[in-house]
């Protein structure tokens, strides 16, 4: 395979994996990951710096997948989410969330969705 073709295949494979950049209050930096290819793997003072690092890491790992050095995790691209999931939490936390939702005049689903959106 030519170098140009291989680079194209690497870019194509790496594009299938979403990049997640989050602020870590505990560390005071932005942290990057590309699930399910790689967990938290880089950090920096700006989202742009982490995005650049993450792009290099993901392309390196995509090359390893193409070279057979590691198995290819299934990318979530194209996966359809129903909007439903089952979460198990301690009964005391369930009660606390339900009471807070009621105090706001919201359903528990609305309350949890807003909490997750802010996470």
C-alpha atoms as a PDB file:
ATOM      1  CA  UNK A   1       0.000   0.000   0.000  1.00  0.00           C
ATOM      2  CA  UNK A   2       1.351   3.423  -0.893  1.00  0.00           C
ATOM      3  CA  UNK A   3       2.149   5.944   1.824  1.00  0.00           C
ATOM      4  CA  UNK A   4      -0.554   8.262   0.480  1.00  0.00           C
ATOM      5  CA  UNK A   5      -3.165   5.476   0.546  1.00  0.00           C
ATOM      6  CA  UNK A   6      -2.162   4.442   4.061  1.00  0.00           C
ATOM      7  CA  UNK A   7      -2.392   8.029   5.342  1.00  0.00           C
ATOM      8  CA  UNK A   8      -5.818   8.319   3.761  1.00  0.00           C
ATOM      9  CA  UNK A   9      -6.984   5.102   5.436  1.00  0.00           C
ATOM     10  CA  UNK A  10      -5.578   6.293   8.787  1.00  0.00           C
ATOM     11  CA  UNK A  11      -7.465   9.591   8.506  1.00  0.00           C
ATOM     12  CA  UNK A  12     -10.646   7.777   7.467  1.00  0.00           C
ATOM     13  CA  UNK A  13     -10.466   5.367  10.419  1.00  0.00           C
ATOM     14  CA  UNK A  14      -9.504   8.042  12.942  1.00  0.00           C
ATOM     15  CA  UNK A  15     -12.464  10.197  11.845  1.00  0.00           C
ATOM     16  CA  UNK A  16     -14.839   7.471  13.048  1.00  0.00           C
ATOM     17  CA  UNK A  17     -13.895   8.057  16.681  1.00  0.00           C
ATOM     18  CA  UNK A  18     -15.405  11.050  18.445  1.00  0.00           C
ATOM     19  CA  UNK A  19     -13.124  13.277  20.457  1.00  0.00           C
ATOM     20  CA  UNK A  20     -14.156  14.369  23.928  1.00  0.00           C
ATOM     21  CA  UNK A  21     -12.475  17.343  25.566  1.00  0.00           C
ATOM     22  CA  UNK A  22     -13.585  18.147  29.097  1.00  0.00           C
ATOM     23  CA  UNK A  23     -12.523  20.553  31.786  1.00  0.00           C
ATOM     24  CA  UNK A  24     -11.134  18.802  34.877  1.00  0.00           C
ATOM     25  CA  UNK A  25     -11.739  21.012  37.899  1.00  0.00           C
ATOM     26  CA  UNK A  26      -9.664  18.662  40.047  1.00  0.00           C
ATOM     27  CA  UNK A  27      -6.615  19.031  37.775  1.00  0.00           C
ATOM     28  CA  UNK A  28      -7.238  22.547  36.494  1.00  0.00           C
ATOM     29  CA  UNK A  29      -6.715  21.492  32.852  1.00  0.00           C
ATOM     30  CA  UNK A  30      -8.621  20.256  29.825  1.00  0.00           C
ATOM     31  CA  UNK A  31      -8.493  16.471  29.333  1.00  0.00           C
ATOM     32  CA  UNK A  32      -8.958  14.608  26.059  1.00  0.00           C
ATOM     33  CA  UNK A  33     -10.203  11.136  25.158  1.00  0.00           C
ATOM     34  CA  UNK A  34     -11.561   9.300  22.094  1.00  0.00           C
ATOM     35  CA  UNK A  35     -13.867   6.528  23.272  1.00  0.00           C
ATOM     36  CA  UNK A  36     -13.825   3.610  22.709  1.00  0.00           C
ATOM     37  CA  UNK A  37     -10.394   3.876  21.099  1.00  0.00           C
ATOM     38  CA  UNK A  38      -8.646   5.479  24.066  1.00  0.00           C
ATOM     39  CA  UNK A  39      -9.634   6.877  27.444  1.00  0.00           C
ATOM     40  CA  UNK A  40      -8.251  10.051  28.957  1.00  0.00           C
ATOM     41  CA  UNK A  41      -4.888  10.342  27.261  1.00  0.00           C
ATOM     42  CA  UNK A  42      -3.783  13.965  27.124  1.00  0.00           C
ATOM     43  CA  UNK A  43      -4.267  17.278  28.846  1.00  0.00           C
ATOM     44  CA  UNK A  44      -3.520  20.948  28.369  1.00  0.00           C
ATOM     45  CA  UNK A  45      -4.344  24.515  29.296  1.00  0.00           C
ATOM     46  CA  UNK A  46      -6.608  25.063  26.277  1.00  0.00           C
ATOM     47  CA  UNK A  47      -9.121  23.027  24.310  1.00  0.00           C
ATOM     48  CA  UNK A  48      -7.160  23.752  21.131  1.00  0.00           C
ATOM     49  CA  UNK A  49      -3.928  22.330  22.580  1.00  0.00           C
ATOM     50  CA  UNK A  50      -5.722  19.176  23.714  1.00  0.00           C
ATOM     51  CA  UNK A  51      -7.466  18.831  20.337  1.00  0.00           C
ATOM     52  CA  UNK A  52      -4.095  18.927  18.549  1.00  0.00           C
ATOM     53  CA  UNK A  53      -2.596  16.322  20.912  1.00  0.00           C
ATOM     54  CA  UNK A  54      -5.682  14.142  20.637  1.00  0.00           C
ATOM     55  CA  UNK A  55      -5.608  14.222  16.818  1.00  0.00           C
ATOM     56  CA  UNK A  56      -2.033  12.892  16.810  1.00  0.00           C
ATOM     57  CA  UNK A  57      -2.813  10.194  19.390  1.00  0.00           C
ATOM     58  CA  UNK A  58      -5.941   9.004  17.563  1.00  0.00           C
ATOM     59  CA  UNK A  59      -4.124   8.842  14.214  1.00  0.00           C
ATOM     60  CA  UNK A  60      -1.263   6.889  15.817  1.00  0.00           C
ATOM     61  CA  UNK A  61      -3.721   4.406  17.315  1.00  0.00           C
ATOM     62  CA  UNK A  62      -5.654   4.154  14.029  1.00  0.00           C
ATOM     63  CA  UNK A  63      -2.366   3.280  12.330  1.00  0.00           C
ATOM     64  CA  UNK A  64      -1.752   0.584  14.952  1.00  0.00           C
ATOM     65  CA  UNK A  65      -5.201  -0.842  14.201  1.00  0.00           C
ATOM     66  CA  UNK A  66      -4.521  -0.875  10.460  1.00  0.00           C
ATOM     67  CA  UNK A  67      -1.121  -2.509  11.040  1.00  0.00           C
ATOM     68  CA  UNK A  68      -2.738  -5.218  13.193  1.00  0.00           C
ATOM     69  CA  UNK A  69      -0.910  -4.134  16.344  1.00  0.00           C
ATOM     70  CA  UNK A  70      -4.180  -3.708  18.243  1.00  0.00           C
ATOM     71  CA  UNK A  71      -7.791  -4.789  17.712  1.00  0.00           C
ATOM     72  CA  UNK A  72     -10.216  -2.307  16.240  1.00  0.00           C
ATOM     73  CA  UNK A  73     -12.762  -1.187  18.811  1.00  0.00           C
ATOM     74  CA  UNK A  74     -16.175  -0.557  17.324  1.00  0.00           C
ATOM     75  CA  UNK A  75     -16.645   3.181  16.807  1.00  0.00           C
ATOM     76  CA  UNK A  76     -19.946   4.647  17.972  1.00  0.00           C
ATOM     77  CA  UNK A  77     -20.355   6.598  14.709  1.00  0.00           C
ATOM     78  CA  UNK A  78     -23.707   5.781  13.196  1.00  0.00           C
ATOM     79  CA  UNK A  79     -25.065   4.317  16.428  1.00  0.00           C
ATOM     80  CA  UNK A  80     -28.610   5.395  17.095  1.00  0.00           C
ATOM     81  CA  UNK A  81     -29.458   6.278  20.681  1.00  0.00           C
ATOM     82  CA  UNK A  82     -33.028   5.805  21.855  1.00  0.00           C
ATOM     83  CA  UNK A  83     -32.854   8.362  24.629  1.00  0.00           C
ATOM     84  CA  UNK A  84     -33.591   5.659  27.200  1.00  0.00           C
ATOM     85  CA  UNK A  85     -31.183   4.052  29.627  1.00  0.00           C
ATOM     86  CA  UNK A  86     -31.411   2.315  32.960  1.00  0.00           C
ATOM     87  CA  UNK A  87     -29.274   3.687  35.734  1.00  0.00           C
ATOM     88  CA  UNK A  88     -28.878   2.187  39.174  1.00  0.00           C
ATOM     89  CA  UNK A  89     -28.281   4.566  42.050  1.00  0.00           C
ATOM     90  CA  UNK A  90     -28.561   4.264  45.816  1.00  0.00           C
ATOM     91  CA  UNK A  91     -32.142   4.632  47.101  1.00  0.00           C
ATOM     92  CA  UNK A  92     -31.207   7.715  49.163  1.00  0.00           C
ATOM     93  CA  UNK A  93     -29.879   9.477  46.034  1.00  0.00           C
ATOM     94  CA  UNK A  94     -33.014   8.478  44.097  1.00  0.00           C
ATOM     95  CA  UNK A  95     -35.146  10.027  46.844  1.00  0.00           C
ATOM     96  CA  UNK A  96     -33.042  13.185  46.963  1.00  0.00           C
ATOM     97  CA  UNK A  97     -33.244  13.647  43.181  1.00  0.00           C
ATOM     98  CA  UNK A  98     -36.997  13.017  43.145  1.00  0.00           C
ATOM     99  CA  UNK A  99     -37.560  15.550  45.929  1.00  0.00           C
ATOM    100  CA  UNK A 100     -35.386  18.175  44.221  1.00  0.00           C
ATOM    101  CA  UNK A 101     -37.228  17.608  40.941  1.00  0.00           C
ATOM    102  CA  UNK A 102     -40.586  17.970  42.695  1.00  0.00           C
ATOM    103  CA  UNK A 103     -39.401  21.167  44.398  1.00  0.00           C
ATOM    104  CA  UNK A 104     -38.585  22.600  40.963  1.00  0.00           C
ATOM    105  CA  UNK A 105     -41.891  21.438  39.500  1.00  0.00           C
ATOM    106  CA  UNK A 106     -40.054  19.082  37.116  1.00  0.00           C
ATOM    107  CA  UNK A 107     -40.285  15.399  36.416  1.00  0.00           C
ATOM    108  CA  UNK A 108     -37.429  13.226  37.584  1.00  0.00           C
ATOM    109  CA  UNK A 109     -36.533  12.661  33.917  1.00  0.00           C
ATOM    110  CA  UNK A 110     -36.266  16.423  33.291  1.00  0.00           C
ATOM    111  CA  UNK A 111     -34.181  16.869  36.429  1.00  0.00           C
ATOM    112  CA  UNK A 112     -31.761  14.056  35.502  1.00  0.00           C
ATOM    113  CA  UNK A 113     -31.500  15.228  31.876  1.00  0.00           C
ATOM    114  CA  UNK A 114     -30.555  18.752  33.031  1.00  0.00           C
ATOM    115  CA  UNK A 115     -28.049  17.359  35.525  1.00  0.00           C
ATOM    116  CA  UNK A 116     -26.444  15.190  32.825  1.00  0.00           C
ATOM    117  CA  UNK A 117     -26.378  18.073  30.350  1.00  0.00           C
ATOM    118  CA  UNK A 118     -24.443  20.133  32.892  1.00  0.00           C
ATOM    119  CA  UNK A 119     -21.985  17.344  33.668  1.00  0.00           C
END
